[in-house]
PDB file of N, CA and C in Angstrom:
ATOM      1  N   MET A   1      69.608 123.013  96.701  1.00  0.00           N
ATOM      2  CA  MET A   1      70.887 123.694  96.722  1.00  0.00           C
ATOM      3  C   MET A   1      71.790 123.078  95.650  1.00  0.00           C
ATOM      4  N   PRO A   2      72.377 123.884  94.785  1.00  0.00           N
ATOM      5  CA  PRO A   2      73.242 123.330  93.743  1.00  0.00           C
ATOM      6  C   PRO A   2      74.534 122.780  94.335  1.00  0.00           C
ATOM      7  N   ARG A   3      75.009 121.747  93.718  1.00  0.00           N
ATOM      8  CA  ARG A   3      76.252 121.127  94.178  1.00  0.00           C
ATOM      9  C   ARG A   3      77.448 121.955  93.696  1.00  0.00           C
ATOM     10  N   PRO A   4      78.549 121.940  94.442  1.00  0.00           N
ATOM     11  CA  PRO A   4      79.751 122.665  94.005  1.00  0.00           C
ATOM     12  C   PRO A   4      80.278 122.111  92.690  1.00  0.00           C
ATOM     13  N   LEU A   5      81.110 122.882  92.017  1.00  0.00           N
ATOM     14  CA  LEU A   5      81.643 122.474  90.730  1.00  0.00           C
ATOM     15  C   LEU A   5      82.553 121.256  90.819  1.00  0.00           C
ATOM     16  N   LEU A   6      83.185 121.050  91.967  1.00  0.00           N
ATOM     17  CA  LEU A   6      84.096 119.926  92.111  1.00  0.00           C
ATOM     18  C   LEU A   6      83.385 118.606  92.378  1.00  0.00           C
ATOM     19  N   TRP A   7      82.076 118.650  92.511  1.00  0.00           N
ATOM     20  CA  TRP A   7      81.323 117.442  92.808  1.00  0.00           C
ATOM     21  C   TRP A   7      81.197 116.611  91.542  1.00  0.00           C
ATOM     22  N   ILE A   8      81.606 115.358  91.591  1.00  0.00           N
ATOM     23  CA  ILE A   8      81.516 114.463  90.445  1.00  0.00           C
ATOM     24  C   ILE A   8      80.622 113.303  90.838  1.00  0.00           C
ATOM     25  N   THR A   9      79.584 113.099  90.081  1.00  0.00           N
ATOM     26  CA  THR A   9      78.682 111.991  90.346  1.00  0.00           C
ATOM     27  C   THR A   9      78.857 110.964  89.249  1.00  0.00           C
ATOM     28  N   VAL A  10      79.325 109.790  89.621  1.00  0.00           N
ATOM     29  CA  VAL A  10      79.514 108.728  88.643  1.00  0.00           C
ATOM     30  C   VAL A  10      78.570 107.568  88.887  1.00  0.00           C
ATOM     31  N   MET A  11      77.924 107.534  90.030  1.00  0.00           N
ATOM     32  CA  MET A  11      77.020 106.451  90.350  1.00  0.00           C
ATOM     33  C   MET A  11      75.583 106.919  90.174  1.00  0.00           C
ATOM     34  N   SER A  12      74.921 106.337  89.213  1.00  0.00           N
ATOM     35  CA  SER A  12      73.529 106.703  89.021  1.00  0.00           C
ATOM     36  C   SER A  12      72.589 105.594  89.465  1.00  0.00           C
ATOM     37  N   ASP A  13      73.112 104.425  89.701  1.00  0.00           N
ATOM     38  CA  ASP A  13      72.295 103.299  90.119  1.00  0.00           C
ATOM     39  C   ASP A  13      72.391 103.154  91.633  1.00  0.00           C
ATOM     40  N   ALA A  14      71.252 103.058  92.292  1.00  0.00           N
ATOM     41  CA  ALA A  14      71.236 102.960  93.751  1.00  0.00           C
ATOM     42  C   ALA A  14      71.728 101.611  94.252  1.00  0.00           C
ATOM     43  N   SER A  15      71.816 100.612  93.372  1.00  0.00           N
ATOM     44  CA  SER A  15      72.244  99.296  93.825  1.00  0.00           C
ATOM     45  C   SER A  15      73.767  99.168  93.924  1.00  0.00           C
ATOM     46  N   ILE A  16      74.493 100.124  93.382  1.00  0.00           N
ATOM     47  CA  ILE A  16      75.953 100.068  93.462  1.00  0.00           C
ATOM     48  C   ILE A  16      76.384 100.476  94.863  1.00  0.00           C
ATOM     49  N   ASP A  17      77.243  99.678  95.449  1.00  0.00           N
ATOM     50  CA  ASP A  17      77.706  99.969  96.807  1.00  0.00           C
ATOM     51  C   ASP A  17      78.622 101.180  96.798  1.00  0.00           C
ATOM     52  N   ARG A  18      78.524 101.985  97.838  1.00  0.00           N
ATOM     53  CA  ARG A  18      79.382 103.146  98.012  1.00  0.00           C
ATOM     54  C   ARG A  18      80.484 102.813  99.001  1.00  0.00           C
ATOM     55  N   VAL A  19      81.578 103.527  98.898  1.00  0.00           N
ATOM     56  CA  VAL A  19      82.662 103.384  99.854  1.00  0.00           C
ATOM     57  C   VAL A  19      82.329 104.241 101.062  1.00  0.00           C
ATOM     58  N   ASN A  20      82.201 103.628 102.193  1.00  0.00           N
ATOM     59  CA  ASN A  20      81.876 104.339 103.423  1.00  0.00           C
ATOM     60  C   ASN A  20      83.139 104.613 104.215  1.00  0.00           C
ATOM     61  N   ARG A  21      83.028 105.546 105.154  1.00  0.00           N
ATOM     62  CA  ARG A  21      84.153 105.832 106.021  1.00  0.00           C
ATOM     63  C   ARG A  21      84.520 104.593 106.813  1.00  0.00           C
ATOM     64  N   GLY A  22      85.795 104.315 106.904  1.00  0.00           N
ATOM     65  CA  GLY A  22      86.275 103.163 107.649  1.00  0.00           C
ATOM     66  C   GLY A  22      86.433 101.916 106.816  1.00  0.00           C
ATOM     67  N   ASP A  23      85.955 101.908 105.574  1.00  0.00           N
ATOM     68  CA  ASP A  23      86.160 100.760 104.697  1.00  0.00           C
ATOM     69  C   ASP A  23      87.612 100.717 104.253  1.00  0.00           C
ATOM     70  N   TRP A  24      88.031  99.583 103.710  1.00  0.00           N
ATOM     71  CA  TRP A  24      89.450  99.434 103.385  1.00  0.00           C
ATOM     72  C   TRP A  24      89.936 100.397 102.298  1.00  0.00           C
ATOM     73  N   PRO A  25      89.136 100.784 101.270  1.00  0.00           N
ATOM     74  CA  PRO A  25      89.672 101.783 100.335  1.00  0.00           C
ATOM     75  C   PRO A  25      89.914 103.143 100.998  1.00  0.00           C
ATOM     76  N   ASP A  26      89.016 103.513 101.899  1.00  0.00           N
ATOM     77  CA  ASP A  26      89.195 104.760 102.639  1.00  0.00           C
ATOM     78  C   ASP A  26      90.443 104.688 103.501  1.00  0.00           C
ATOM     79  N   LEU A  27      90.606 103.590 104.203  1.00  0.00           N
ATOM     80  CA  LEU A  27      91.770 103.409 105.068  1.00  0.00           C
ATOM     81  C   LEU A  27      93.064 103.369 104.262  1.00  0.00           C
ATOM     82  N   LEU A  28      93.035 102.693 103.129  1.00  0.00           N
ATOM     83  CA  LEU A  28      94.229 102.584 102.296  1.00  0.00           C
ATOM     84  C   LEU A  28      94.634 103.948 101.727  1.00  0.00           C
ATOM     85  N   ALA A  29      93.665 104.720 101.280  1.00  0.00           N
ATOM     86  CA  ALA A  29      93.978 106.054 100.744  1.00  0.00           C
ATOM     87  C   ALA A  29      94.526 106.970 101.830  1.00  0.00           C
ATOM     88  N   ARG A  30      93.935 106.913 103.018  1.00  0.00           N
ATOM     89  CA  ARG A  30      94.422 107.743 104.113  1.00  0.00           C
ATOM     90  C   ARG A  30      95.817 107.311 104.557  1.00  0.00           C
ATOM     91  N   LEU A  31      96.059 105.998 104.628  1.00  0.00           N
ATOM     92  CA  LEU A  31      97.394 105.514 104.985  1.00  0.00           C
ATOM     93  C   LEU A  31      98.432 106.005 103.987  1.00  0.00           C
ATOM     94  N   PHE A  32      98.135 105.857 102.708  1.00  0.00           N
ATOM     95  CA  PHE A  32      99.079 106.276 101.678  1.00  0.00           C
ATOM     96  C   PHE A  32      99.390 107.763 101.797  1.00  0.00           C
ATOM     97  N   SER A  33      98.356 108.585 101.942  1.00  0.00           N
ATOM     98  CA  SER A  33      98.590 110.025 101.963  1.00  0.00           C
ATOM     99  C   SER A  33      99.329 110.482 103.213  1.00  0.00           C
ATOM    100  N   TRP A  34      98.977 109.950 104.388  1.00  0.00           N
ATOM    101  CA  TRP A  34      99.663 110.374 105.608  1.00  0.00           C
ATOM    102  C   TRP A  34     101.095 109.844 105.669  1.00  0.00           C
ATOM    103  N   ILE A  35     101.331 108.639 105.161  1.00  0.00           N
ATOM    104  CA  ILE A  35     102.707 108.126 105.116  1.00  0.00           C
ATOM    105  C   ILE A  35     103.551 108.969 104.164  1.00  0.00           C
ATOM    106  N   LEU A  36     102.968 109.384 103.053  1.00  0.00           N
ATOM    107  CA  LEU A  36     103.690 110.238 102.122  1.00  0.00           C
ATOM    108  C   LEU A  36     104.024 111.593 102.734  1.00  0.00           C
ATOM    109  N   LEU A  37     103.069 112.179 103.450  1.00  0.00           N
ATOM    110  CA  LEU A  37     103.340 113.452 104.128  1.00  0.00           C
ATOM    111  C   LEU A  37     104.407 113.298 105.212  1.00  0.00           C
ATOM    112  N   ALA A  38     104.351 112.195 105.955  1.00  0.00           N
ATOM    113  CA  ALA A  38     105.372 111.959 106.981  1.00  0.00           C
ATOM    114  C   ALA A  38     106.742 111.775 106.344  1.00  0.00           C
ATOM    115  N   ALA A  39     106.804 111.058 105.228  1.00  0.00           N
ATOM    116  CA  ALA A  39     108.087 110.839 104.549  1.00  0.00           C
ATOM    117  C   ALA A  39     108.672 112.161 104.047  1.00  0.00           C
ATOM    118  N   ILE A  40     107.826 113.047 103.548  1.00  0.00           N
ATOM    119  CA  ILE A  40     108.319 114.350 103.082  1.00  0.00           C
ATOM    120  C   ILE A  40     108.851 115.165 104.261  1.00  0.00           C
ATOM    121  N   GLY A  41     108.124 115.159 105.377  1.00  0.00           N
ATOM    122  CA  GLY A  41     108.586 115.890 106.556  1.00  0.00           C
ATOM    123  C   GLY A  41     109.896 115.355 107.097  1.00  0.00           C
ATOM    124  N   VAL A  42     110.000 114.038 107.179  1.00  0.00           N
ATOM    125  CA  VAL A  42     111.237 113.429 107.680  1.00  0.00           C
ATOM    126  C   VAL A  42     112.382 113.664 106.699  1.00  0.00           C
ATOM    127  N   PHE A  43     112.094 113.651 105.404  1.00  0.00           N
ATOM    128  CA  PHE A  43     113.119 113.935 104.406  1.00  0.00           C
ATOM    129  C   PHE A  43     113.694 115.342 104.599  1.00  0.00           C
ATOM    130  N   LEU A  44     112.818 116.310 104.871  1.00  0.00           N
ATOM    131  CA  LEU A  44     113.296 117.676 105.094  1.00  0.00           C
ATOM    132  C   LEU A  44     114.139 117.784 106.360  1.00  0.00           C
ATOM    133  N   VAL A  45     113.702 117.114 107.423  1.00  0.00           N
ATOM    134  CA  VAL A  45     114.497 117.101 108.660  1.00  0.00           C
ATOM    135  C   VAL A  45     115.841 116.418 108.419  1.00  0.00           C
ATOM    136  N   ASN A  46     115.825 115.340 107.662  1.00  0.00           N
ATOM    137  CA  ASN A  46     117.057 114.619 107.353  1.00  0.00           C
ATOM    138  C   ASN A  46     118.008 115.486 106.529  1.00  0.00           C
ATOM    139  N   ASN A  47     117.475 116.272 105.605  1.00  0.00           N
ATOM    140  CA  ASN A  47     118.328 117.173 104.831  1.00  0.00           C
ATOM    141  C   ASN A  47     118.967 118.236 105.711  1.00  0.00           C
ATOM    142  N   VAL A  48     118.220 118.771 106.662  1.00  0.00           N
ATOM    143  CA  VAL A  48     118.798 119.763 107.575  1.00  0.00           C
ATOM    144  C   VAL A  48     119.921 119.126 108.388  1.00  0.00           C
ATOM    145  N   LEU A  49     119.674 117.921 108.903  1.00  0.00           N
ATOM    146  CA  LEU A  49     120.714 117.257 109.693  1.00  0.00           C
ATOM    147  C   LEU A  49     121.943 116.933 108.850  1.00  0.00           C
ATOM    148  N   SER A  50     121.738 116.521 107.613  1.00  0.00           N
ATOM    149  CA  SER A  50     122.867 116.145 106.754  1.00  0.00           C
ATOM    150  C   SER A  50     123.646 117.352 106.247  1.00  0.00           C
ATOM    151  N   LEU A  51     122.940 118.398 105.832  1.00  0.00           N
ATOM    152  CA  LEU A  51     123.626 119.532 105.219  1.00  0.00           C
ATOM    153  C   LEU A  51     124.110 120.569 106.227  1.00  0.00           C
ATOM    154  N   ALA A  52     123.305 120.872 107.220  1.00  0.00           N
ATOM    155  CA  ALA A  52     123.684 121.926 108.166  1.00  0.00           C
ATOM    156  C   ALA A  52     124.572 121.418 109.292  1.00  0.00           C
ATOM    157  N   PHE A  53     124.349 120.183 109.718  1.00  0.00           N
ATOM    158  CA  PHE A  53     125.093 119.659 110.863  1.00  0.00           C
ATOM    159  C   PHE A  53     126.065 118.543 110.494  1.00  0.00           C
ATOM    160  N   ASP A  54     126.238 118.271 109.211  1.00  0.00           N
ATOM    161  CA  ASP A  54     127.187 117.270 108.690  1.00  0.00           C
ATOM    162  C   ASP A  54     126.962 115.873 109.255  1.00  0.00           C
ATOM    163  N   TRP A  55     125.698 115.494 109.408  1.00  0.00           N
ATOM    164  CA  TRP A  55     125.402 114.116 109.801  1.00  0.00           C
ATOM    165  C   TRP A  55     125.543 113.235 108.571  1.00  0.00           C
ATOM    166  N   PRO A  56     125.860 111.953 108.747  1.00  0.00           N
ATOM    167  CA  PRO A  56     126.216 111.114 107.596  1.00  0.00           C
ATOM    168  C   PRO A  56     125.045 110.620 106.749  1.00  0.00           C
ATOM    169  N   GLY A  57     123.812 110.694 107.218  1.00  0.00           N
ATOM    170  CA  GLY A  57     122.692 110.122 106.470  1.00  0.00           C
ATOM    171  C   GLY A  57     122.456 108.677 106.889  1.00  0.00           C
ATOM    172  N   ILE A  58     121.540 107.998 106.181  1.00  0.00           N
ATOM    173  CA  ILE A  58     121.211 106.627 106.587  1.00  0.00           C
ATOM    174  C   ILE A  58     121.956 105.575 105.786  1.00  0.00           C
ATOM    175  N   SER A  59     122.670 105.957 104.745  1.00  0.00           N
ATOM    176  CA  SER A  59     123.372 104.953 103.929  1.00  0.00           C
ATOM    177  C   SER A  59     124.437 104.170 104.700  1.00  0.00           C
ATOM    178  N   PRO A  60     125.158 104.759 105.684  1.00  0.00           N
ATOM    179  CA  PRO A  60     126.122 103.943 106.426  1.00  0.00           C
ATOM    180  C   PRO A  60     125.487 102.793 107.214  1.00  0.00           C
ATOM    181  N   VAL A  61     124.201 102.909 107.540  1.00  0.00           N
ATOM    182  CA  VAL A  61     123.531 101.806 108.253  1.00  0.00           C
ATOM    183  C   VAL A  61     123.510 100.563 107.381  1.00  0.00           C
ATOM    184  N   PHE A  62     123.370 100.762 106.068  1.00  0.00           N
ATOM    185  CA  PHE A  62     123.256  99.625 105.157  1.00  0.00           C
ATOM    186  C   PHE A  62     124.577  99.223 104.518  1.00  0.00           C
ATOM    187  N   PHE A  63     125.546 100.146 104.412  1.00  0.00           N
ATOM    188  CA  PHE A  63     126.745  99.862 103.636  1.00  0.00           C
ATOM    189  C   PHE A  63     128.055  99.939 104.414  1.00  0.00           C
ATOM    190  N   ALA A  64     128.054 100.402 105.647  1.00  0.00           N
ATOM    191  CA  ALA A  64     129.301 100.531 106.402  1.00  0.00           C
ATOM    192  C   ALA A  64     129.346  99.485 107.510  1.00  0.00           C
ATOM    193  N   LYS A  65     130.563  99.170 107.951  1.00  0.00           N
ATOM    194  CA  LYS A  65     130.705  98.203 109.036  1.00  0.00           C
ATOM    195  C   LYS A  65     130.312  98.808 110.376  1.00  0.00           C
ATOM    196  N   ASP A  66     130.680 100.056 110.600  1.00  0.00           N
ATOM    197  CA  ASP A  66     130.348 100.746 111.850  1.00  0.00           C
ATOM    198  C   ASP A  66     129.651 102.062 111.510  1.00  0.00           C
ATOM    199  N   PRO A  67     128.303 102.068 111.432  1.00  0.00           N
ATOM    200  CA  PRO A  67     127.603 103.259 110.948  1.00  0.00           C
ATOM    201  C   PRO A  67     127.605 104.447 111.893  1.00  0.00           C
ATOM    202  N   GLY A  68     127.662 104.224 113.178  1.00  0.00           N
ATOM    203  CA  GLY A  68     127.647 105.333 114.121  1.00  0.00           C
ATOM    204  C   GLY A  68     126.235 105.708 114.550  1.00  0.00           C
ATOM    205  N   VAL A  69     126.172 106.419 115.650  1.00  0.00           N
ATOM    206  CA  VAL A  69     124.890 106.777 116.263  1.00  0.00           C
ATOM    207  C   VAL A  69     124.074 107.751 115.399  1.00  0.00           C
ATOM    208  N   PRO A  70     124.664 108.792 114.794  1.00  0.00           N
ATOM    209  CA  PRO A  70     123.837 109.713 114.004  1.00  0.00           C
ATOM    210  C   PRO A  70     123.099 109.037 112.846  1.00  0.00           C
ATOM    211  N   SER A  71     123.717 108.056 112.216  1.00  0.00           N
ATOM    212  CA  SER A  71     123.041 107.338 111.129  1.00  0.00           C
ATOM    213  C   SER A  71     121.842 106.563 111.650  1.00  0.00           C
ATOM    214  N   TRP A  72     122.002 105.936 112.792  1.00  0.00           N
ATOM    215  CA  TRP A  72     120.884 105.193 113.379  1.00  0.00           C
ATOM    216  C   TRP A  72     119.766 106.127 113.813  1.00  0.00           C
ATOM    217  N   ILE A  73     120.124 107.304 114.323  1.00  0.00           N
ATOM    218  CA  ILE A  73     119.098 108.271 114.725  1.00  0.00           C
ATOM    219  C   ILE A  73     118.301 108.719 113.502  1.00  0.00           C
ATOM    220  N   GLN A  74     118.998 108.990 112.398  1.00  0.00           N
ATOM    221  CA  GLN A  74     118.294 109.412 111.196  1.00  0.00           C
ATOM    222  C   GLN A  74     117.390 108.307 110.652  1.00  0.00           C
ATOM    223  N   LEU A  75     117.822 107.069 110.711  1.00  0.00           N
ATOM    224  CA  LEU A  75     116.978 105.956 110.276  1.00  0.00           C
ATOM    225  C   LEU A  75     115.769 105.801 111.198  1.00  0.00           C
ATOM    226  N   LEU A  76     115.979 105.952 112.491  1.00  0.00           N
ATOM    227  CA  LEU A  76     114.866 105.838 113.434  1.00  0.00           C
ATOM    228  C   LEU A  76     113.859 106.977 113.283  1.00  0.00           C
ATOM    229  N   VAL A  77     114.311 108.140 112.826  1.00  0.00           N
ATOM    230  CA  VAL A  77     113.376 109.234 112.563  1.00  0.00           C
ATOM    231  C   VAL A  77     112.449 108.858 111.408  1.00  0.00           C
ATOM    232  N   TYR A  78     112.987 108.201 110.370  1.00  0.00           N
ATOM    233  CA  TYR A  78     112.135 107.721 109.276  1.00  0.00           C
ATOM    234  C   TYR A  78     111.129 106.685 109.780  1.00  0.00           C
ATOM    235  N   VAL A  79     111.590 105.765 110.596  1.00  0.00           N
ATOM    236  CA  VAL A  79     110.696 104.727 111.134  1.00  0.00           C
ATOM    237  C   VAL A  79     109.624 105.363 112.020  1.00  0.00           C
ATOM    238  N   ALA A  80     110.010 106.337 112.831  1.00  0.00           N
ATOM    239  CA  ALA A  80     109.045 107.004 113.708  1.00  0.00           C
ATOM    240  C   ALA A  80     108.003 107.768 112.896  1.00  0.00           C
ATOM    241  N   GLY A  81     108.404 108.393 111.793  1.00  0.00           N
ATOM    242  CA  GLY A  81     107.446 109.076 110.934  1.00  0.00           C
ATOM    243  C   GLY A  81     106.454 108.111 110.310  1.00  0.00           C
ATOM    244  N   PHE A  82     106.943 106.963 109.854  1.00  0.00           N
ATOM    245  CA  PHE A  82     106.072 105.937 109.274  1.00  0.00           C
ATOM    246  C   PHE A  82     105.100 105.401 110.321  1.00  0.00           C
ATOM    247  N   VAL A  83     105.612 105.049 111.495  1.00  0.00           N
ATOM    248  CA  VAL A  83     104.755 104.504 112.560  1.00  0.00           C
ATOM    249  C   VAL A  83     103.766 105.559 113.048  1.00  0.00           C
ATOM    250  N   GLY A  84     104.217 106.792 113.174  1.00  0.00           N
ATOM    251  CA  GLY A  84     103.320 107.863 113.601  1.00  0.00           C
ATOM    252  C   GLY A  84     102.169 108.076 112.626  1.00  0.00           C
ATOM    253  N   ALA A  85     102.447 108.004 111.334  1.00  0.00           N
ATOM    254  CA  ALA A  85     101.384 108.156 110.334  1.00  0.00           C
ATOM    255  C   ALA A  85     100.389 107.009 110.410  1.00  0.00           C
ATOM    256  N   VAL A  86     100.885 105.792 110.572  1.00  0.00           N
ATOM    257  CA  VAL A  86      99.995 104.629 110.663  1.00  0.00           C
ATOM    258  C   VAL A  86      99.135 104.707 111.919  1.00  0.00           C
ATOM    259  N   VAL A  87      99.724 105.070 113.040  1.00  0.00           N
ATOM    260  CA  VAL A  87      98.966 105.177 114.290  1.00  0.00           C
ATOM    261  C   VAL A  87      97.924 106.278 114.179  1.00  0.00           C
ATOM    262  N   TYR A  88      98.280 107.402 113.568  1.00  0.00           N
ATOM    263  CA  TYR A  88      97.331 108.501 113.406  1.00  0.00           C
ATOM    264  C   TYR A  88      96.125 108.066 112.575  1.00  0.00           C
ATOM    265  N   VAL A  89      96.372 107.364 111.477  1.00  0.00           N
ATOM    266  CA  VAL A  89      95.272 106.939 110.612  1.00  0.00           C
ATOM    267  C   VAL A  89      94.405 105.900 111.299  1.00  0.00           C
ATOM    268  N   LEU A  90      95.012 104.980 112.015  1.00  0.00           N
ATOM    269  CA  LEU A  90      94.234 103.905 112.622  1.00  0.00           C
ATOM    270  C   LEU A  90      93.412 104.366 113.818  1.00  0.00           C
ATOM    271  N   PHE A  91      93.874 105.381 114.543  1.00  0.00           N
ATOM    272  CA  PHE A  91      93.173 105.800 115.749  1.00  0.00           C
ATOM    273  C   PHE A  91      92.395 107.106 115.613  1.00  0.00           C
ATOM    274  N   LYS A  92      92.519 107.795 114.488  1.00  0.00           N
ATOM    275  CA  LYS A  92      91.740 109.014 114.259  1.00  0.00           C
ATOM    276  C   LYS A  92      90.722 108.725 113.172  1.00  0.00           C
ATOM    277  N   PRO A  93      89.451 108.935 113.465  1.00  0.00           N
ATOM    278  CA  PRO A  93      88.436 108.661 112.441  1.00  0.00           C
ATOM    279  C   PRO A  93      88.536 109.655 111.288  1.00  0.00           C
ATOM    280  N   SER A  94      88.096 109.207 110.142  1.00  0.00           N
ATOM    281  CA  SER A  94      88.106 110.060 108.956  1.00  0.00           C
ATOM    282  C   SER A  94      87.071 111.159 109.105  1.00  0.00           C
ATOM    283  N   THR A  95      87.482 112.405 108.925  1.00  0.00           N
ATOM    284  CA  THR A  95      86.553 113.531 109.027  1.00  0.00           C
ATOM    285  C   THR A  95      86.491 114.288 107.713  1.00  0.00           C
ATOM    286  N   LEU A  96      86.787 113.637 106.611  1.00  0.00           N
ATOM    287  CA  LEU A  96      86.792 114.296 105.315  1.00  0.00           C
ATOM    288  C   LEU A  96      85.405 114.785 104.927  1.00  0.00           C
ATOM    289  N   PHE A  97      84.381 114.018 105.248  1.00  0.00           N
ATOM    290  CA  PHE A  97      83.035 114.365 104.833  1.00  0.00           C
ATOM    291  C   PHE A  97      82.295 115.207 105.862  1.00  0.00           C
ATOM    292  N   GLU A  98      82.903 115.497 106.977  1.00  0.00           N
ATOM    293  CA  GLU A  98      82.226 116.240 108.027  1.00  0.00           C
ATOM    294  C   GLU A  98      82.761 117.669 108.087  1.00  0.00           C
ATOM    295  N   GLY A  99      81.880 118.625 107.842  1.00  0.00           N
ATOM    296  CA  GLY A  99      82.256 120.020 108.003  1.00  0.00           C
ATOM    297  C   GLY A  99      82.888 120.678 106.810  1.00  0.00           C
ATOM    298  N   GLY A 100      83.073 119.967 105.715  1.00  0.00           N
ATOM    299  CA  GLY A 100      83.665 120.572 104.533  1.00  0.00           C
ATOM    300  C   GLY A 100      82.590 120.969 103.548  1.00  0.00           C
ATOM    301  N   TRP A 101      82.675 122.161 102.991  1.00  0.00           N
ATOM    302  CA  TRP A 101      81.636 122.602 102.073  1.00  0.00           C
ATOM    303  C   TRP A 101      81.754 121.916 100.715  1.00  0.00           C
ATOM    304  N   ILE A 102      82.959 121.530 100.323  1.00  0.00           N
ATOM    305  CA  ILE A 102      83.117 120.833  99.041  1.00  0.00           C
ATOM    306  C   ILE A 102      82.630 119.400  99.150  1.00  0.00           C
ATOM    307  N   PHE A 103      82.853 118.786 100.287  1.00  0.00           N
ATOM    308  CA  PHE A 103      82.540 117.367 100.450  1.00  0.00           C
ATOM    309  C   PHE A 103      81.214 117.151 101.167  1.00  0.00           C
ATOM    310  N   ASP A 104      80.335 118.097 101.062  1.00  0.00           N
ATOM    311  CA  ASP A 104      79.040 117.986 101.734  1.00  0.00           C
ATOM    312  C   ASP A 104      78.167 116.978 101.008  1.00  0.00           C
ATOM    313  N   LEU A 105      77.798 115.921 101.699  1.00  0.00           N
ATOM    314  CA  LEU A 105      76.928 114.911 101.096  1.00  0.00           C
ATOM    315  C   LEU A 105      75.521 115.211 101.484  1.00  0.00           C
TER     316      LEU A 105
END
């Protein structure tokens, strides 16, 4: 069966180690991508809260004497997105190579 066009083979020597699922490069790439997706989602939620509902944003937490509850809630939403992404990556196994026609090994 011919390989898809997106398949790139750079390893021709069988003695070179491959990156397996669960190894640190796999984990690091998944952490980076899921944290980035969570940050984008939280950024959009934060924009809705700031622009539509006139919430102050997270800058008063760092620069004001009394930031107020809405600023802390917005900061905690960022922290929850980061923690949620890390927990998802650590407790959900990588399924990139299972069931995908492009990534069929």
